[in-house]
Amino acid sequence: MSTHTQGDEVRVVDNQGADRYEIWSDGKLAGFANYRTRPGRLVFVHTETEPGFEGRGMASRLVQGALDDVRRRGLGVMPLCPFVASYIKDHPDYQDLVVSGEPPA
């Protein structure tokens, strides 16, 4: 998953060992979205933008890339993270990914 804008190389990766999606800009970690794995879904619990990357749309690009990957993998999401929930609300084309169930412990 990579996008190019204004000379910056931006890529979103699933760091499964850390249970989070990460967004990298020109080789620097720009932010991450922590998740918990549950059967058939990922539960997003926290999204954070690194200092120096705020206000550049990195969190939105991160969540978009993560949700696109979730869709490709045939999984659903539980957006417990307020930012992820707001992103889905503002982008209803991702609403079909939202599943209900027991929140993680």
Protein backbone atom coordinates (compact mmCIF):
# COMPACT_ATOMS: atom_id res chain seq x y z
CA MET A 1 0.00 0.00 0.00
CA SER A 2 1.78 3.14 -1.15
CA THR A 3 0.76 6.58 -2.24
CA HIS A 4 2.94 9.36 -3.56
CA THR A 5 2.28 13.03 -2.95
CA GLN A 6 4.45 16.06 -3.50
CA GLY A 7 7.67 14.05 -3.64
CA ASP A 8 6.99 12.25 -0.36
CA GLU A 9 6.74 8.50 -0.39
CA VAL A 10 3.91 7.53 1.97
CA ARG A 11 3.08 3.93 2.72
CA VAL A 12 0.73 2.16 5.09
CA VAL A 13 1.84 -1.22 6.45
CA ASP A 14 0.29 -3.78 8.75
CA ASN A 15 2.84 -4.43 11.49
CA GLN A 16 1.20 -7.62 12.75
CA GLY A 17 3.93 -8.20 15.32
CA ALA A 18 2.96 -4.94 17.03
CA ASP A 19 -0.81 -5.27 16.32
CA ARG A 20 -0.97 -1.98 14.48
CA TYR A 21 -1.10 -0.36 11.10
CA GLU A 22 1.66 2.17 10.55
CA ILE A 23 2.03 5.05 8.14
CA TRP A 24 5.53 5.90 6.99
CA SER A 25 6.56 9.09 5.22
CA ASP A 26 9.98 9.20 3.58
CA GLY A 27 11.20 6.41 5.85
CA LYS A 28 9.92 7.98 9.09
CA LEU A 29 7.08 6.66 11.21
CA ALA A 30 4.30 9.25 10.91
CA GLY A 31 1.57 7.49 12.89
CA PHE A 32 -0.10 4.26 13.83
CA ALA A 33 -3.47 2.67 14.55
CA ASN A 34 -3.47 -0.03 17.23
CA TYR A 35 -5.84 -2.95 16.88
CA ARG A 36 -6.77 -6.19 18.57
CA THR A 37 -7.38 -9.28 16.49
CA ARG A 38 -10.65 -11.12 16.99
CA PRO A 39 -12.17 -13.89 14.86
CA GLY A 40 -13.14 -12.35 11.52
CA ARG A 41 -12.43 -8.77 12.54
CA LEU A 42 -9.95 -6.21 13.79
CA VAL A 43 -10.88 -4.02 16.74
CA PHE A 44 -9.32 -0.57 16.33
CA VAL A 45 -8.56 0.90 19.75
CA HIS A 46 -6.23 3.88 19.25
CA THR A 47 -4.84 6.06 16.48
CA GLU A 48 -1.92 8.42 16.94
CA THR A 49 0.03 10.82 14.74
CA GLU A 50 3.70 11.35 15.57
CA PRO A 51 4.90 14.87 16.46
CA GLY A 52 5.80 16.82 13.34
CA PHE A 53 3.25 15.01 11.17
CA GLU A 54 0.07 16.51 12.63
CA GLY A 55 -2.16 18.53 10.32
CA ARG A 56 -0.97 16.78 7.16
CA GLY A 57 -3.79 14.27 6.83
CA MET A 58 -1.62 11.36 7.89
CA ALA A 59 -4.18 9.86 10.27
CA SER A 60 -6.88 9.90 7.59
CA ARG A 61 -4.53 8.32 5.05
CA LEU A 62 -3.53 5.73 7.64
CA VAL A 63 -7.12 4.76 8.43
CA GLN A 64 -8.05 4.67 4.74
CA GLY A 65 -5.14 2.35 3.99
CA ALA A 66 -5.95 0.14 6.98
CA LEU A 67 -9.63 -0.14 6.06
CA ASP A 68 -8.76 -0.90 2.44
CA ASP A 69 -6.48 -3.70 3.66
CA VAL A 70 -9.16 -5.03 6.01
CA ARG A 71 -11.59 -5.14 3.07
CA ARG A 72 -9.03 -6.97 0.88
CA ARG A 73 -8.56 -9.53 3.66
CA GLY A 74 -12.31 -10.11 3.97
CA LEU A 75 -12.44 -8.99 7.60
CA GLY A 76 -14.71 -6.65 9.51
CA VAL A 77 -13.88 -3.86 11.95
CA MET A 78 -15.02 -2.70 15.35
CA PRO A 79 -14.09 1.01 15.52
CA LEU A 80 -13.65 1.58 19.27
CA CYS A 81 -11.09 4.28 18.47
CA PRO A 82 -13.00 7.59 18.16
CA PHE A 83 -10.91 8.69 15.16
CA VAL A 84 -11.58 5.47 13.23
CA ALA A 85 -15.29 5.65 14.11
CA SER A 86 -15.45 9.27 12.93
CA TYR A 87 -13.60 8.43 9.71
CA ILE A 88 -16.08 5.66 8.93
CA LYS A 89 -19.01 7.95 9.72
CA ASP A 90 -17.60 10.57 7.32
CA HIS A 91 -16.84 7.93 4.64
CA PRO A 92 -19.97 5.75 4.47
CA ASP A 93 -18.44 3.53 1.78
CA TYR A 94 -16.60 1.82 4.68
CA GLN A 95 -19.76 1.35 6.80
CA ASP A 96 -20.22 -2.19 5.46
CA LEU A 97 -17.01 -3.23 7.26
CA VAL A 98 -18.42 -2.44 10.71
CA VAL A 99 -19.43 -5.50 12.71
CA SER A 100 -20.88 -5.82 16.16
CA GLY A 101 -19.84 -8.20 18.86
CA GLU A 102 -18.24 -8.35 22.23
CA PRO A 103 -15.64 -5.63 22.82
CA PRO A 104 -12.17 -6.93 23.60
CA ALA A 105 -11.18 -7.51 27.20
